[in-house]
């Protein structure tokens, strides 16, 4: 009998939320959007640095898929 080899890969799931997002956008839409982009730039760079990929984002920021 031939044994089939099972391939396994690790995955990490990150869930984050911006507390008070609607209130922050109401008070300062431009500043809040800028801060959110800056945070995303940092986290996206860390993901890339470690040879990983962002699969999907959802929520107020919209949904996009990067591979």
N, C-alpha and C. Protein backbone atom coordinates (compact mmCIF):
# COMPACT_ATOMS: atom_id res chain seq x y z
N UNK A 1 0.84 -1.17 0.00
CA UNK A 1 0.00 0.00 0.00
C UNK A 1 0.89 1.25 0.00
N UNK A 2 0.55 2.22 -0.82
CA UNK A 2 1.30 3.47 -0.92
C UNK A 2 0.62 4.52 -0.04
N UNK A 3 1.40 5.16 0.83
CA UNK A 3 0.84 6.22 1.68
C UNK A 3 0.87 7.55 0.94
N UNK A 4 -0.22 8.26 0.99
CA UNK A 4 -0.28 9.59 0.38
C UNK A 4 0.33 10.59 1.36
N UNK A 5 1.13 11.48 0.84
CA UNK A 5 1.72 12.53 1.66
C UNK A 5 0.74 13.68 1.82
N UNK A 6 0.56 14.13 3.02
CA UNK A 6 -0.36 15.23 3.30
C UNK A 6 0.44 16.52 3.39
N UNK A 7 0.09 17.49 2.56
CA UNK A 7 0.74 18.80 2.59
C UNK A 7 0.00 19.72 3.56
N UNK A 8 0.76 20.38 4.40
CA UNK A 8 0.15 21.29 5.37
C UNK A 8 0.80 22.65 5.27
N UNK A 9 0.00 23.68 5.46
CA UNK A 9 0.50 25.05 5.48
C UNK A 9 -0.13 25.77 6.65
N UNK A 10 0.66 26.58 7.29
CA UNK A 10 0.16 27.40 8.39
C UNK A 10 -0.50 28.65 7.84
N UNK A 11 -1.48 29.15 8.54
CA UNK A 11 -2.14 30.39 8.16
C UNK A 11 -2.37 31.22 9.42
N UNK A 12 -2.31 32.52 9.27
CA UNK A 12 -2.62 33.42 10.38
C UNK A 12 -3.78 34.31 9.95
N UNK A 13 -4.69 34.53 10.87
CA UNK A 13 -5.83 35.39 10.60
C UNK A 13 -5.78 36.54 11.59
N UNK A 14 -5.82 37.74 11.05
CA UNK A 14 -5.81 38.94 11.89
C UNK A 14 -7.14 39.66 11.72
N UNK A 15 -7.77 39.94 12.81
CA UNK A 15 -9.00 40.73 12.79
C UNK A 15 -8.76 41.98 13.62
N UNK A 16 -8.99 43.13 13.03
CA UNK A 16 -8.78 44.39 13.73
C UNK A 16 -9.97 45.30 13.45
N UNK A 17 -10.26 46.15 14.41
CA UNK A 17 -11.37 47.08 14.25
C UNK A 17 -10.92 48.45 14.74
N UNK A 18 -11.38 49.49 14.09
CA UNK A 18 -11.09 50.85 14.52
C UNK A 18 -12.26 51.29 15.39
N UNK A 19 -12.00 51.38 16.69
CA UNK A 19 -13.04 51.81 17.63
C UNK A 19 -13.45 53.24 17.34
N UNK A 20 -14.74 53.47 17.22
CA UNK A 20 -15.24 54.82 16.98
C UNK A 20 -15.00 55.33 15.57
N UNK A 21 -14.86 54.41 14.61
CA UNK A 21 -14.54 54.80 13.23
C UNK A 21 -15.52 55.83 12.67
N UNK A 22 -16.81 55.58 12.82
CA UNK A 22 -17.80 56.51 12.26
C UNK A 22 -17.69 57.89 12.91
N UNK A 23 -17.49 57.91 14.23
CA UNK A 23 -17.35 59.18 14.94
C UNK A 23 -16.09 59.91 14.46
N UNK A 24 -14.98 59.17 14.34
CA UNK A 24 -13.72 59.77 13.88
C UNK A 24 -13.87 60.34 12.47
N UNK A 25 -14.51 59.59 11.59
CA UNK A 25 -14.72 60.07 10.22
C UNK A 25 -15.60 61.31 10.20
N UNK A 26 -16.60 61.35 11.07
CA UNK A 26 -17.48 62.51 11.15
C UNK A 26 -16.74 63.75 11.64
N UNK A 27 -15.80 63.55 12.55
CA UNK A 27 -15.05 64.68 13.12
C UNK A 27 -13.93 65.15 12.20
N UNK A 28 -13.27 64.20 11.51
CA UNK A 28 -12.13 64.56 10.66
C UNK A 28 -11.91 63.47 9.62
N UNK A 29 -12.69 63.54 8.55
CA UNK A 29 -12.65 62.50 7.52
C UNK A 29 -11.26 62.38 6.89
N UNK A 30 -10.67 63.49 6.51
CA UNK A 30 -9.37 63.48 5.83
C UNK A 30 -8.29 62.92 6.76
N UNK A 31 -8.25 63.40 7.99
CA UNK A 31 -7.24 62.94 8.94
C UNK A 31 -7.40 61.47 9.30
N UNK A 32 -8.65 61.04 9.50
CA UNK A 32 -8.91 59.65 9.84
C UNK A 32 -8.52 58.73 8.69
N UNK A 33 -8.89 59.09 7.48
CA UNK A 33 -8.53 58.28 6.32
C UNK A 33 -7.01 58.21 6.15
N UNK A 34 -6.33 59.33 6.38
CA UNK A 34 -4.87 59.36 6.28
C UNK A 34 -4.23 58.43 7.32
N UNK A 35 -4.71 58.51 8.55
CA UNK A 35 -4.18 57.66 9.62
C UNK A 35 -4.41 56.19 9.31
N UNK A 36 -5.59 55.85 8.82
CA UNK A 36 -5.89 54.47 8.47
C UNK A 36 -4.97 53.98 7.35
N UNK A 37 -4.74 54.82 6.34
CA UNK A 37 -3.81 54.45 5.24
C UNK A 37 -2.41 54.23 5.77
N UNK A 38 -1.96 55.09 6.69
CA UNK A 38 -0.62 54.95 7.26
C UNK A 38 -0.48 53.64 8.03
N UNK A 39 -1.49 53.29 8.80
CA UNK A 39 -1.46 52.02 9.52
C UNK A 39 -1.46 50.83 8.56
N UNK A 40 -2.25 50.91 7.52
CA UNK A 40 -2.29 49.84 6.53
C UNK A 40 -0.95 49.70 5.82
N UNK A 41 -0.30 50.83 5.52
CA UNK A 41 0.99 50.81 4.85
C UNK A 41 2.01 50.04 5.71
N UNK A 42 2.00 50.29 7.01
CA UNK A 42 2.93 49.62 7.93
C UNK A 42 2.62 48.12 8.00
N UNK A 43 1.36 47.77 8.21
CA UNK A 43 1.02 46.35 8.34
C UNK A 43 1.22 45.61 7.02
N UNK A 44 0.89 46.23 5.91
CA UNK A 44 1.12 45.58 4.61
C UNK A 44 2.61 45.33 4.38
N UNK A 45 3.45 46.29 4.77
CA UNK A 45 4.90 46.13 4.61
C UNK A 45 5.41 44.97 5.47
N UNK A 46 4.88 44.83 6.67
CA UNK A 46 5.29 43.71 7.54
C UNK A 46 4.89 42.37 6.95
N UNK A 47 3.70 42.31 6.39
CA UNK A 47 3.23 41.08 5.75
C UNK A 47 4.17 40.71 4.61
N UNK A 48 4.50 41.67 3.76
CA UNK A 48 5.39 41.44 2.63
C UNK A 48 6.79 41.07 3.10
N UNK A 49 7.30 41.76 4.10
CA UNK A 49 8.64 41.51 4.64
C UNK A 49 8.80 40.05 5.06
N UNK A 50 7.76 39.47 5.58
CA UNK A 50 7.81 38.10 6.05
C UNK A 50 7.38 37.09 4.99
N UNK A 51 7.31 37.55 3.74
CA UNK A 51 7.01 36.66 2.63
C UNK A 51 5.59 36.13 2.60
N UNK A 52 4.70 36.85 3.20
CA UNK A 52 3.30 36.44 3.25
C UNK A 52 2.48 37.28 2.29
N UNK A 53 1.19 37.06 2.27
CA UNK A 53 0.32 37.84 1.40
C UNK A 53 -0.99 38.17 2.10
N UNK A 54 -1.53 39.30 1.75
CA UNK A 54 -2.84 39.72 2.24
C UNK A 54 -3.87 39.14 1.29
N UNK A 55 -4.81 38.41 1.83
CA UNK A 55 -5.80 37.76 0.99
C UNK A 55 -7.05 38.60 0.84
N UNK A 56 -7.50 39.19 1.94
CA UNK A 56 -8.76 39.93 1.86
C UNK A 56 -8.89 40.90 3.03
N UNK A 57 -9.50 42.03 2.76
CA UNK A 57 -9.90 42.96 3.81
C UNK A 57 -11.38 43.25 3.63
N UNK A 58 -12.06 43.51 4.72
CA UNK A 58 -13.48 43.82 4.64
C UNK A 58 -13.81 44.94 5.63
N UNK A 59 -15.00 45.40 5.58
CA UNK A 59 -15.43 46.43 6.52
C UNK A 59 -15.57 47.78 5.84
N UNK A 60 -15.45 48.83 6.67
CA UNK A 60 -15.64 50.18 6.16
C UNK A 60 -14.62 50.53 5.08
N UNK A 61 -13.45 49.88 5.12
CA UNK A 61 -12.41 50.15 4.14
C UNK A 61 -12.67 49.52 2.79
N UNK A 62 -13.75 48.77 2.66
CA UNK A 62 -14.06 48.10 1.42
C UNK A 62 -13.43 46.72 1.40
N UNK A 63 -13.56 46.04 0.32
CA UNK A 63 -12.99 44.70 0.21
C UNK A 63 -12.04 44.68 -0.97
N UNK A 64 -10.87 44.13 -0.74
CA UNK A 64 -9.92 43.97 -1.83
C UNK A 64 -9.14 42.69 -1.61
N UNK A 65 -8.66 42.11 -2.69
CA UNK A 65 -7.88 40.90 -2.60
C UNK A 65 -6.51 41.16 -3.20
N UNK A 66 -5.49 40.90 -2.45
CA UNK A 66 -4.12 41.01 -2.94
C UNK A 66 -3.48 39.65 -2.85
N UNK A 67 -2.73 39.27 -3.87
CA UNK A 67 -2.04 37.99 -3.82
C UNK A 67 -0.58 38.18 -4.04
